Amino acid sequence: MFSATRTIALHSSSLSTVSSSSDKPSSSSSSTPTHLTPKPKSLLQNHPLYTPTHEKLSLQFKEKILCLEVMGIDSGKALSQNPSLHTASLESIHSIITFLLSKGIQHKDLPRIFGMCPKILTSNIKTDLNPVFDFLVQELKVPEHNFRKVIKKCPRFLTSSVKDQLKPALFYLNRLGLRDLEALAYQDCVLLVSNVERTLIPKLKHMQSMGFSKEEVRCMVLRCPALLTFSIENNFQPKFEYFSVEMERKLEELKEFPQYFSFSLENRIKVRHMEIVENGINLPLSLMLKSTDDEFRELITKGDN
């Protein structure tokens, strides 16, 4: 596999060749009026950004587009989500890639990382990226050889401010009782990049509005930290309504099995609930949802007998 430097150099070179050979009129056609000269077929002519309104794009900008595409990144999406890329130099982009590779990130990881967070491509290594890796080591006790594992799981770490985001989130989660650093680093790391005021607290308050006490909500979160990653509108509201109205079950079951909210409403909860109703049997919430299809079928069969 080519190194980042090699990849950029090769394709910058190839683009320069194409540009010099096809973007300029040949000597044999120098006498042809400019407006009658046919447009050249270049490597980038079919790219969505390479349209008649962009014919005067600089060579460096064309090189940048090509290099992003070569890395497997949707350049149009990256440029729209991170306008700073328009003025970023190839050298600065290369420095980011080199830095990440030095931290154990692999070439094959880059399309997903940059695709999810194109802002990383214009980060400042000293003030933006280095503090994140220091946080991983000092606060989450992540060894350097596991940097890749964490960043692959949650690329948003690299766009999060340590001072304004990561440390406040860690402090808040610790106060809730989530103190397993290994779990926070490798499993529930998305919680650390979630805003405390706008994301975490509203979800806790919504759960209290369902009828749970503050302490009951805290215990539910400790049982299932993923609760703090679920959408209020798309998860909590419809699933709780089905639980209380259609299933007519008691809150006590949710206290014991908050993982209920992690199952698909349409493909799991409704389907299995209707089956046990049709068969006139009753199953604990956890057994109804956690069992495999074969186990569930066996439970239905036993219930019929």
C-alpha atoms as a PDB file:
ATOM      1  CA  MET A   1       0.000   0.000   0.000  1.00  0.00           C
ATOM      2  CA  PHE A   2       1.331   3.452  -0.928  1.00  0.00           C
ATOM      3  CA  SER A   3       2.145   5.849   1.874  1.00  0.00           C
ATOM      4  CA  ALA A   4       0.090   9.022   2.095  1.00  0.00           C
ATOM      5  CA  THR A   5       3.046  11.013   0.735  1.00  0.00           C
ATOM      6  CA  ARG A   6       3.509   8.619  -2.166  1.00  0.00           C
ATOM      7  CA  THR A   7      -0.193   8.631  -3.012  1.00  0.00           C
ATOM      8  CA  ILE A   8      -0.419  12.413  -3.033  1.00  0.00           C
ATOM      9  CA  ALA A   9       2.812  12.777  -4.985  1.00  0.00           C
ATOM     10  CA  LEU A  10       1.824  10.233  -7.644  1.00  0.00           C
ATOM     11  CA  HIS A  11      -1.618  11.628  -8.253  1.00  0.00           C
ATOM     12  CA  SER A  12      -0.530  15.248  -8.065  1.00  0.00           C
ATOM     13  CA  SER A  13       2.041  14.373 -10.723  1.00  0.00           C
ATOM     14  CA  SER A  14      -0.488  12.568 -12.909  1.00  0.00           C
ATOM     15  CA  LEU A  15      -2.927  15.445 -12.598  1.00  0.00           C
ATOM     16  CA  SER A  16      -0.236  17.960 -13.524  1.00  0.00           C
ATOM     17  CA  THR A  17       0.527  15.896 -16.644  1.00  0.00           C
ATOM     18  CA  VAL A  18      -3.128  15.719 -17.598  1.00  0.00           C
ATOM     19  CA  SER A  19      -3.568  19.395 -16.949  1.00  0.00           C
ATOM     20  CA  SER A  20      -0.518  20.428 -18.942  1.00  0.00           C
ATOM     21  CA  SER A  21      -1.349  18.147 -21.882  1.00  0.00           C
ATOM     22  CA  SER A  22      -5.080  18.626 -22.081  1.00  0.00           C
ATOM     23  CA  ASP A  23      -5.917  21.969 -20.496  1.00  0.00           C
ATOM     24  CA  LYS A  24      -3.675  23.900 -22.884  1.00  0.00           C
ATOM     25  CA  PRO A  25      -4.330  24.101 -26.658  1.00  0.00           C
ATOM     26  CA  SER A  26      -1.704  22.364 -28.808  1.00  0.00           C
ATOM     27  CA  SER A  27       0.484  24.330 -31.166  1.00  0.00           C
ATOM     28  CA  SER A  28      -1.378  22.843 -34.174  1.00  0.00           C
ATOM     29  CA  SER A  29      -4.629  24.383 -32.959  1.00  0.00           C
ATOM     30  CA  SER A  30      -3.207  27.716 -31.870  1.00  0.00           C
ATOM     31  CA  SER A  31      -4.803  29.422 -34.828  1.00  0.00           C
ATOM     32  CA  THR A  32      -8.272  28.104 -33.968  1.00  0.00           C
ATOM     33  CA  PRO A  33     -10.478  30.685 -32.221  1.00  0.00           C
ATOM     34  CA  THR A  34     -10.692  30.029 -28.522  1.00  0.00           C
ATOM     35  CA  HIS A  35     -14.476  29.754 -28.508  1.00  0.00           C
ATOM     36  CA  LEU A  36     -14.291  26.958 -31.126  1.00  0.00           C
ATOM     37  CA  THR A  37     -11.659  24.895 -29.366  1.00  0.00           C
ATOM     38  CA  PRO A  38     -13.228  21.640 -28.034  1.00  0.00           C
ATOM     39  CA  LYS A  39     -13.070  21.177 -24.295  1.00  0.00           C
ATOM     40  CA  PRO A  40     -10.474  18.593 -23.223  1.00  0.00           C
ATOM     41  CA  LYS A  41     -11.356  15.312 -21.583  1.00  0.00           C
ATOM     42  CA  SER A  42      -9.612  15.359 -18.199  1.00  0.00           C
ATOM     43  CA  LEU A  43      -9.621  12.927 -15.319  1.00  0.00           C
ATOM     44  CA  LEU A  44     -11.811  15.275 -13.324  1.00  0.00           C
ATOM     45  CA  GLN A  45     -14.284  16.312 -16.009  1.00  0.00           C
ATOM     46  CA  ASN A  46     -16.923  13.889 -14.764  1.00  0.00           C
ATOM     47  CA  HIS A  47     -16.525  14.963 -11.125  1.00  0.00           C
ATOM     48  CA  PRO A  48     -19.603  16.800  -9.775  1.00  0.00           C
ATOM     49  CA  LEU A  49     -17.451  19.811  -8.866  1.00  0.00           C
ATOM     50  CA  TYR A  50     -15.869  19.963 -12.326  1.00  0.00           C
ATOM     51  CA  THR A  51     -18.573  21.808 -14.231  1.00  0.00           C
ATOM     52  CA  PRO A  52     -18.438  24.720 -16.704  1.00  0.00           C
ATOM     53  CA  THR A  53     -18.782  27.146 -13.788  1.00  0.00           C
ATOM     54  CA  HIS A  54     -15.623  25.675 -12.250  1.00  0.00           C
ATOM     55  CA  GLU A  55     -13.412  25.486 -15.343  1.00  0.00           C
ATOM     56  CA  LYS A  56     -10.915  27.925 -13.857  1.00  0.00           C
ATOM     57  CA  LEU A  57     -10.277  25.900 -10.720  1.00  0.00           C
ATOM     58  CA  SER A  58      -6.637  26.107  -9.768  1.00  0.00           C
ATOM     59  CA  LEU A  59      -4.418  23.108 -10.368  1.00  0.00           C
ATOM     60  CA  GLN A  60      -3.856  22.772  -6.611  1.00  0.00           C
ATOM     61  CA  PHE A  61      -7.603  22.633  -5.980  1.00  0.00           C
ATOM     62  CA  LYS A  62      -7.986  19.952  -8.643  1.00  0.00           C
ATOM     63  CA  GLU A  63      -5.132  18.034  -7.047  1.00  0.00           C
ATOM     64  CA  LYS A  64      -6.865  18.324  -3.677  1.00  0.00           C
ATOM     65  CA  ILE A  65     -10.113  16.923  -5.071  1.00  0.00           C
ATOM     66  CA  LEU A  66      -8.314  14.039  -6.713  1.00  0.00           C
ATOM     67  CA  CYS A  67      -6.304  13.212  -3.601  1.00  0.00           C
ATOM     68  CA  LEU A  68      -9.453  13.124  -1.456  1.00  0.00           C
ATOM     69  CA  GLU A  69     -11.159  10.842  -3.951  1.00  0.00           C
ATOM     70  CA  VAL A  70      -8.092   8.585  -4.140  1.00  0.00           C
ATOM     71  CA  MET A  71      -8.275   8.161  -0.361  1.00  0.00           C
ATOM     72  CA  GLY A  72     -11.893   7.061  -0.751  1.00  0.00           C
ATOM     73  CA  ILE A  73     -13.411  10.314   0.513  1.00  0.00           C
ATOM     74  CA  ASP A  74     -16.419  11.965  -1.113  1.00  0.00           C
ATOM     75  CA  SER A  75     -14.749  15.292  -1.900  1.00  0.00           C
ATOM     76  CA  GLY A  76     -18.016  17.082  -2.642  1.00  0.00           C
ATOM     77  CA  LYS A  77     -19.446  16.104   0.749  1.00  0.00           C
ATOM     78  CA  ALA A  78     -16.176  16.880   2.551  1.00  0.00           C
ATOM     79  CA  LEU A  79     -15.918  20.343   0.979  1.00  0.00           C
ATOM     80  CA  SER A  80     -19.539  21.192   1.772  1.00  0.00           C
ATOM     81  CA  GLN A  81     -19.256  20.024   5.383  1.00  0.00           C
ATOM     82  CA  ASN A  82     -15.874  21.638   5.919  1.00  0.00           C
ATOM     83  CA  PRO A  83     -15.567  24.842   3.838  1.00  0.00           C
ATOM     84  CA  SER A  84     -12.067  25.384   5.255  1.00  0.00           C
ATOM     85  CA  LEU A  85     -10.900  22.615   2.935  1.00  0.00           C
ATOM     86  CA  HIS A  86     -11.277  25.033   0.018  1.00  0.00           C
ATOM     87  CA  THR A  87      -8.220  26.950   1.171  1.00  0.00           C
ATOM     88  CA  ALA A  88      -6.277  24.184   2.930  1.00  0.00           C
ATOM     89  CA  SER A  89      -3.024  23.233   1.256  1.00  0.00           C
ATOM     90  CA  LEU A  90      -2.081  19.729   0.211  1.00  0.00           C
ATOM     91  CA  GLU A  91       0.873  19.981   2.580  1.00  0.00           C
ATOM     92  CA  SER A  92      -1.359  20.674   5.581  1.00  0.00           C
ATOM     93  CA  ILE A  93      -3.669  17.776   4.677  1.00  0.00           C
ATOM     94  CA  HIS A  94      -0.666  15.513   4.309  1.00  0.00           C
ATOM     95  CA  SER A  95       0.628  16.582   7.732  1.00  0.00           C
ATOM     96  CA  ILE A  96      -2.690  15.527   9.317  1.00  0.00           C
ATOM     97  CA  ILE A  97      -2.521  12.137   7.610  1.00  0.00           C
ATOM     98  CA  THR A  98       1.088  11.620   8.658  1.00  0.00           C
ATOM     99  CA  PHE A  99       0.266  12.552  12.243  1.00  0.00           C
ATOM    100  CA  LEU A 100      -2.640  10.103  12.455  1.00  0.00           C
ATOM    101  CA  LEU A 101      -0.553   7.322  10.940  1.00  0.00           C
ATOM    102  CA  SER A 102       2.072   7.983  13.602  1.00  0.00           C
ATOM    103  CA  LYS A 103      -0.616   7.367  16.234  1.00  0.00           C
ATOM    104  CA  GLY A 104      -1.384   3.900  14.919  1.00  0.00           C
ATOM    105  CA  ILE A 105      -4.258   4.788  12.599  1.00  0.00           C
ATOM    106  CA  GLN A 106      -4.042   2.758   9.382  1.00  0.00           C
ATOM    107  CA  HIS A 107      -4.522   3.873   5.778  1.00  0.00           C
ATOM    108  CA  LYS A 108      -7.657   1.737   5.464  1.00  0.00           C
ATOM    109  CA  ASP A 109      -9.222   3.611   8.398  1.00  0.00           C
ATOM    110  CA  LEU A 110      -8.909   7.044   6.796  1.00  0.00           C
ATOM    111  CA  PRO A 111     -11.936   6.981   4.441  1.00  0.00           C
ATOM    112  CA  ARG A 112     -14.331   6.265   7.304  1.00  0.00           C
ATOM    113  CA  ILE A 113     -12.657   8.680   9.729  1.00  0.00           C
ATOM    114  CA  PHE A 114     -12.482  11.591   7.280  1.00  0.00           C
ATOM    115  CA  GLY A 115     -15.824  10.677   5.742  1.00  0.00           C
ATOM    116  CA  MET A 116     -17.547  10.971   9.120  1.00  0.00           C
ATOM    117  CA  CYS A 117     -15.540  13.984  10.267  1.00  0.00           C
ATOM    118  CA  PRO A 118     -14.021  15.960   7.363  1.00  0.00           C
ATOM    119  CA  LYS A 119     -13.267  18.733   9.840  1.00  0.00           C
ATOM    120  CA  ILE A 120     -10.262  16.682  10.966  1.00  0.00           C
ATOM    121  CA  LEU A 121      -8.552  17.425   7.634  1.00  0.00           C
ATOM    122  CA  THR A 122      -8.110  21.071   8.629  1.00  0.00           C
ATOM    123  CA  SER A 123      -7.416  20.564  12.325  1.00  0.00           C
ATOM    124  CA  ASN A 124      -4.448  22.069  14.118  1.00  0.00           C
ATOM    125  CA  ILE A 125      -2.208  19.249  15.279  1.00  0.00           C
ATOM    126  CA  LYS A 126      -0.832  21.132  18.254  1.00  0.00           C
ATOM    127  CA  THR A 127      -4.017  22.692  19.623  1.00  0.00           C
ATOM    128  CA  ASP A 128      -6.715  20.275  18.386  1.00  0.00           C
ATOM    129  CA  LEU A 129      -5.350  16.769  17.917  1.00  0.00           C
ATOM    130  CA  ASN A 130      -2.499  16.367  20.390  1.00  0.00           C
ATOM    131  CA  PRO A 131      -4.725  17.281  23.374  1.00  0.00           C
ATOM    132  CA  VAL A 132      -7.191  14.528  22.382  1.00  0.00           C
ATOM    133  CA  PHE A 133      -4.508  11.841  22.460  1.00  0.00           C
ATOM    134  CA  ASP A 134      -3.205  13.257  25.756  1.00  0.00           C
ATOM    135  CA  PHE A 135      -6.766  12.970  27.116  1.00  0.00           C
ATOM    136  CA  LEU A 136      -6.976   9.343  26.027  1.00  0.00           C
ATOM    137  CA  VAL A 137      -3.769   8.519  27.868  1.00  0.00           C
ATOM    138  CA  GLN A 138      -4.144  10.675  30.975  1.00  0.00           C
ATOM    139  CA  GLU A 139      -7.905  10.568  31.625  1.00  0.00           C
ATOM    140  CA  LEU A 140      -9.085   7.287  30.062  1.00  0.00           C
ATOM    141  CA  LYS A 141      -5.814   5.379  30.591  1.00  0.00           C
ATOM    142  CA  VAL A 142      -5.754   4.201  26.973  1.00  0.00           C
ATOM    143  CA  PRO A 143      -2.328   2.805  25.992  1.00  0.00           C
ATOM    144  CA  GLU A 144      -0.860   4.117  22.727  1.00  0.00           C
ATOM    145  CA  HIS A 145      -1.277   0.773  20.964  1.00  0.00           C
ATOM    146  CA  ASN A 146      -5.042   1.074  21.482  1.00  0.00           C
ATOM    147  CA  PHE A 147      -5.453   4.574  20.016  1.00  0.00           C
ATOM    148  CA  ARG A 148      -6.660   3.059  16.748  1.00  0.00           C
ATOM    149  CA  LYS A 149      -9.344   1.026  18.493  1.00  0.00           C
ATOM    150  CA  VAL A 150     -10.799   4.117  20.169  1.00  0.00           C
ATOM    151  CA  ILE A 151     -10.629   6.419  17.139  1.00  0.00           C
ATOM    152  CA  LYS A 152     -12.129   3.784  14.825  1.00  0.00           C
ATOM    153  CA  LYS A 153     -15.013   3.373  17.264  1.00  0.00           C
ATOM    154  CA  CYS A 154     -15.608   7.112  17.542  1.00  0.00           C
ATOM    155  CA  PRO A 155     -13.842   9.423  15.033  1.00  0.00           C
ATOM    156  CA  ARG A 156     -15.681  12.365  16.614  1.00  0.00           C
ATOM    157  CA  PHE A 157     -13.083  12.288  19.380  1.00  0.00           C
ATOM    158  CA  LEU A 158     -10.759  14.056  16.942  1.00  0.00           C
ATOM    159  CA  THR A 159     -13.152  16.979  16.479  1.00  0.00           C
ATOM    160  CA  SER A 160     -14.030  17.393  20.164  1.00  0.00           C
ATOM    161  CA  SER A 161     -12.510  20.000  22.422  1.00  0.00           C
ATOM    162  CA  VAL A 162     -10.865  18.449  25.453  1.00  0.00           C
ATOM    163  CA  LYS A 163     -11.545  21.492  27.610  1.00  0.00           C
ATOM    164  CA  ASP A 164     -15.096  22.264  26.482  1.00  0.00           C
ATOM    165  CA  GLN A 165     -16.408  18.805  25.642  1.00  0.00           C
ATOM    166  CA  LEU A 166     -14.468  15.697  26.667  1.00  0.00           C
ATOM    167  CA  LYS A 167     -13.513  16.631  30.233  1.00  0.00           C
ATOM    168  CA  PRO A 168     -16.940  18.052  31.172  1.00  0.00           C
ATOM    169  CA  ALA A 169     -18.661  14.942  29.759  1.00  0.00           C
ATOM    170  CA  LEU A 170     -16.311  12.604  31.620  1.00  0.00           C
ATOM    171  CA  PHE A 171     -16.872  14.513  34.865  1.00  0.00           C
ATOM    172  CA  TYR A 172     -20.662  14.371  34.447  1.00  0.00           C
ATOM    173  CA  LEU A 173     -20.696  10.670  33.573  1.00  0.00           C
ATOM    174  CA  ASN A 174     -18.478   9.907  36.561  1.00  0.00           C
ATOM    175  CA  ARG A 175     -20.973  11.747  38.794  1.00  0.00           C
ATOM    176  CA  LEU A 176     -23.761   9.561  37.417  1.00  0.00           C
ATOM    177  CA  GLY A 177     -21.743   6.538  38.447  1.00  0.00           C
ATOM    178  CA  LEU A 178     -20.224   5.572  35.094  1.00  0.00           C
ATOM    179  CA  ARG A 179     -16.639   5.180  36.272  1.00  0.00           C
ATOM    180  CA  ASP A 180     -15.491   2.191  34.227  1.00  0.00           C
ATOM    181  CA  LEU A 181     -12.829   3.915  32.123  1.00  0.00           C
ATOM    182  CA  GLU A 182     -12.324   0.896  29.885  1.00  0.00           C
ATOM    183  CA  ALA A 183     -16.030   0.800  29.031  1.00  0.00           C
ATOM    184  CA  LEU A 184     -16.107   4.548  28.394  1.00  0.00           C
ATOM    185  CA  ALA A 185     -13.085   4.313  26.122  1.00  0.00           C
ATOM    186  CA  TYR A 186     -13.967   1.274  24.046  1.00  0.00           C
ATOM    187  CA  GLN A 187     -17.736   0.741  24.307  1.00  0.00           C
ATOM    188  CA  ASP A 188     -19.584   3.883  25.367  1.00  0.00           C
ATOM    189  CA  CYS A 189     -17.159   6.458  23.980  1.00  0.00           C
ATOM    190  CA  VAL A 190     -19.948   8.228  22.066  1.00  0.00           C
ATOM    191  CA  LEU A 191     -21.163   9.494  25.467  1.00  0.00           C
ATOM    192  CA  LEU A 192     -17.941  11.480  25.851  1.00  0.00           C
ATOM    193  CA  VAL A 193     -18.581  13.392  22.631  1.00  0.00           C
ATOM    194  CA  SER A 194     -22.218  14.093  23.586  1.00  0.00           C
ATOM    195  CA  ASN A 195     -23.000  17.555  24.903  1.00  0.00           C
ATOM    196  CA  VAL A 196     -23.958  17.459  28.579  1.00  0.00           C
ATOM    197  CA  GLU A 197     -26.451  20.340  28.535  1.00  0.00           C
ATOM    198  CA  ARG A 198     -28.046  19.728  25.137  1.00  0.00           C
ATOM    199  CA  THR A 199     -27.966  15.941  24.914  1.00  0.00           C
ATOM    200  CA  LEU A 200     -27.359  14.007  28.126  1.00  0.00           C
ATOM    201  CA  ILE A 201     -29.403  16.005  30.631  1.00  0.00           C
ATOM    202  CA  PRO A 202     -32.537  16.292  28.390  1.00  0.00           C
ATOM    203  CA  LYS A 203     -32.600  12.499  27.984  1.00  0.00           C
ATOM    204  CA  LEU A 204     -32.372  11.936  31.719  1.00  0.00           C
ATOM    205  CA  LYS A 205     -35.164  14.427  32.315  1.00  0.00           C
ATOM    206  CA  HIS A 206     -37.331  12.801  29.669  1.00  0.00           C
ATOM    207  CA  MET A 207     -36.926   9.446  31.367  1.00  0.00           C
ATOM    208  CA  GLN A 208     -38.056  11.050  34.628  1.00  0.00           C
ATOM    209  CA  SER A 209     -41.132  12.368  32.801  1.00  0.00           C
ATOM    210  CA  MET A 210     -42.080   8.736  32.106  1.00  0.00           C
ATOM    211  CA  GLY A 211     -42.622   8.276  35.814  1.00  0.00           C
ATOM    212  CA  PHE A 212     -39.199   7.236  37.093  1.00  0.00           C
ATOM    213  CA  SER A 213     -37.457   8.969  39.964  1.00  0.00           C
ATOM    214  CA  LYS A 214     -34.077  10.603  39.472  1.00  0.00           C
ATOM    215  CA  GLU A 215     -32.370   7.747  41.299  1.00  0.00           C
ATOM    216  CA  GLU A 216     -34.270   5.134  39.312  1.00  0.00           C
ATOM    217  CA  VAL A 217     -33.144   6.785  36.080  1.00  0.00           C
ATOM    218  CA  ARG A 218     -29.554   6.816  37.294  1.00  0.00           C
ATOM    219  CA  CYS A 219     -29.718   3.098  38.089  1.00  0.00           C
ATOM    220  CA  MET A 220     -31.249   2.371  34.687  1.00  0.00           C
ATOM    221  CA  VAL A 221     -28.409   4.226  32.982  1.00  0.00           C
ATOM    222  CA  LEU A 222     -25.853   2.261  34.973  1.00  0.00           C
ATOM    223  CA  ARG A 223     -27.526  -0.947  33.809  1.00  0.00           C
ATOM    224  CA  CYS A 224     -27.653   0.262  30.191  1.00  0.00           C
ATOM    225  CA  PRO A 225     -25.420   3.283  29.373  1.00  0.00           C
ATOM    226  CA  ALA A 226     -26.642   3.132  25.769  1.00  0.00           C
ATOM    227  CA  LEU A 227     -29.875   4.769  27.005  1.00  0.00           C
ATOM    228  CA  LEU A 228     -28.037   8.076  26.792  1.00  0.00           C
ATOM    229  CA  THR A 229     -27.427   7.562  23.078  1.00  0.00           C
ATOM    230  CA  PHE A 230     -31.065   6.989  22.090  1.00  0.00           C
ATOM    231  CA  SER A 231     -33.261   9.624  20.460  1.00  0.00           C
ATOM    232  CA  ILE A 232     -36.158  10.980  22.490  1.00  0.00           C
ATOM    233  CA  GLU A 233     -38.408  11.424  19.427  1.00  0.00           C
ATOM    234  CA  ASN A 234     -37.453   8.272  17.532  1.00  0.00           C
ATOM    235  CA  ASN A 235     -36.861   5.859  20.396  1.00  0.00           C
ATOM    236  CA  PHE A 236     -38.066   6.759  23.888  1.00  0.00           C
ATOM    237  CA  GLN A 237     -41.433   8.239  22.940  1.00  0.00           C
ATOM    238  CA  PRO A 238     -42.766   5.588  20.519  1.00  0.00           C
ATOM    239  CA  LYS A 239     -41.379   2.626  22.477  1.00  0.00           C
ATOM    240  CA  PHE A 240     -42.647   3.866  25.820  1.00  0.00           C
ATOM    241  CA  GLU A 241     -46.078   4.580  24.338  1.00  0.00           C
ATOM    242  CA  TYR A 242     -46.259   1.043  22.957  1.00  0.00           C
ATOM    243  CA  PHE A 243     -45.037  -0.380  26.257  1.00  0.00           C
ATOM    244  CA  SER A 244     -47.606   1.452  28.357  1.00  0.00           C
ATOM    245  CA  VAL A 245     -50.609   1.529  25.983  1.00  0.00           C
ATOM    246  CA  GLU A 246     -50.427  -1.632  23.880  1.00  0.00           C
ATOM    247  CA  MET A 247     -48.447  -3.931  26.158  1.00  0.00           C
ATOM    248  CA  GLU A 248     -49.995  -2.500  29.349  1.00  0.00           C
ATOM    249  CA  ARG A 249     -46.930  -3.401  31.357  1.00  0.00           C
ATOM    250  CA  LYS A 250     -45.685  -1.826  34.572  1.00  0.00           C
ATOM    251  CA  LEU A 251     -42.756   0.561  34.995  1.00  0.00           C
ATOM    252  CA  GLU A 252     -41.091  -1.926  37.297  1.00  0.00           C
ATOM    253  CA  GLU A 253     -40.226  -4.080  34.301  1.00  0.00           C
ATOM    254  CA  LEU A 254     -38.418  -1.201  32.611  1.00  0.00           C
ATOM    255  CA  LYS A 255     -36.473  -0.497  35.807  1.00  0.00           C
ATOM    256  CA  GLU A 256     -35.270  -4.087  35.761  1.00  0.00           C
ATOM    257  CA  PHE A 257     -34.787  -4.276  32.017  1.00  0.00           C
ATOM    258  CA  PRO A 258     -34.013  -0.820  30.531  1.00  0.00           C
ATOM    259  CA  GLN A 259     -32.416  -2.642  27.568  1.00  0.00           C
ATOM    260  CA  TYR A 260     -35.980  -2.747  26.219  1.00  0.00           C
ATOM    261  CA  PHE A 261     -35.221   0.554  24.475  1.00  0.00           C
ATOM    262  CA  SER A 262     -32.344  -0.999  22.543  1.00  0.00           C
ATOM    263  CA  PHE A 263     -34.585  -3.416  20.616  1.00  0.00           C
ATOM    264  CA  SER A 264     -36.330  -2.595  17.344  1.00  0.00           C
ATOM    265  CA  LEU A 265     -39.940  -1.581  17.891  1.00  0.00           C
ATOM    266  CA  GLU A 266     -41.172  -2.849  14.523  1.00  0.00           C
ATOM    267  CA  ASN A 267     -38.999  -5.916  14.041  1.00  0.00           C
ATOM    268  CA  ARG A 268     -38.735  -7.250  17.574  1.00  0.00           C
ATOM    269  CA  ILE A 269     -40.952  -5.689  20.210  1.00  0.00           C
ATOM    270  CA  LYS A 270     -44.241  -5.575  18.283  1.00  0.00           C
ATOM    271  CA  VAL A 271     -43.733  -8.909  16.546  1.00  0.00           C
ATOM    272  CA  ARG A 272     -42.990 -10.837  19.710  1.00  0.00           C
ATOM    273  CA  HIS A 273     -45.613  -9.078  21.793  1.00  0.00           C
ATOM    274  CA  MET A 274     -48.315  -9.951  19.261  1.00  0.00           C
ATOM    275  CA  GLU A 275     -47.171 -13.578  19.191  1.00  0.00           C
ATOM    276  CA  ILE A 276     -47.432 -14.034  22.944  1.00  0.00           C
ATOM    277  CA  VAL A 277     -50.829 -12.289  22.959  1.00  0.00           C
ATOM    278  CA  GLU A 278     -52.095 -14.523  20.154  1.00  0.00           C
ATOM    279  CA  ASN A 279     -50.882 -17.581  22.042  1.00  0.00           C
ATOM    280  CA  GLY A 280     -52.326 -16.370  25.319  1.00  0.00           C
ATOM    281  CA  ILE A 281     -49.092 -16.588  27.270  1.00  0.00           C
ATOM    282  CA  ASN A 282     -47.106 -14.146  29.352  1.00  0.00           C
ATOM    283  CA  LEU A 283     -43.328 -13.762  29.393  1.00  0.00           C
ATOM    284  CA  PRO A 284     -41.046 -11.463  31.374  1.00  0.00           C
ATOM    285  CA  LEU A 285     -39.916  -8.526  29.241  1.00  0.00           C
ATOM    286  CA  SER A 286     -36.267  -9.623  29.237  1.00  0.00           C
ATOM    287  CA  LEU A 287     -37.089 -13.200  28.229  1.00  0.00           C
ATOM    288  CA  MET A 288     -39.433 -12.039  25.501  1.00  0.00           C
ATOM    289  CA  LEU A 289     -36.818  -9.842  23.854  1.00  0.00           C
ATOM    290  CA  LYS A 290     -33.422 -11.363  24.662  1.00  0.00           C
ATOM    291  CA  SER A 291     -34.143 -14.924  23.566  1.00  0.00           C
ATOM    292  CA  THR A 292     -33.070 -16.038  20.095  1.00  0.00           C
ATOM    293  CA  ASP A 293     -35.711 -16.871  17.499  1.00  0.00           C
ATOM    294  CA  ASP A 294     -35.360 -20.581  18.230  1.00  0.00           C
ATOM    295  CA  GLU A 295     -35.525 -20.037  21.975  1.00  0.00           C
ATOM    296  CA  PHE A 296     -38.550 -17.778  21.591  1.00  0.00           C
ATOM    297  CA  ARG A 297     -40.314 -20.370  19.420  1.00  0.00           C
ATOM    298  CA  GLU A 298     -39.637 -22.993  22.058  1.00  0.00           C
ATOM    299  CA  LEU A 299     -41.062 -20.724  24.769  1.00  0.00           C
ATOM    300  CA  ILE A 300     -44.220 -20.221  22.677  1.00  0.00           C
ATOM    301  CA  THR A 301     -44.543 -23.974  22.168  1.00  0.00           C
ATOM    302  CA  LYS A 302     -44.148 -24.705  25.868  1.00  0.00           C
ATOM    303  CA  GLY A 303     -46.674 -22.007  26.669  1.00  0.00           C
ATOM    304  CA  ASP A 304     -49.213 -23.604  24.357  1.00  0.00           C
ATOM    305  CA  ASN A 305     -48.820 -26.881  26.207  1.00  0.00           C
END
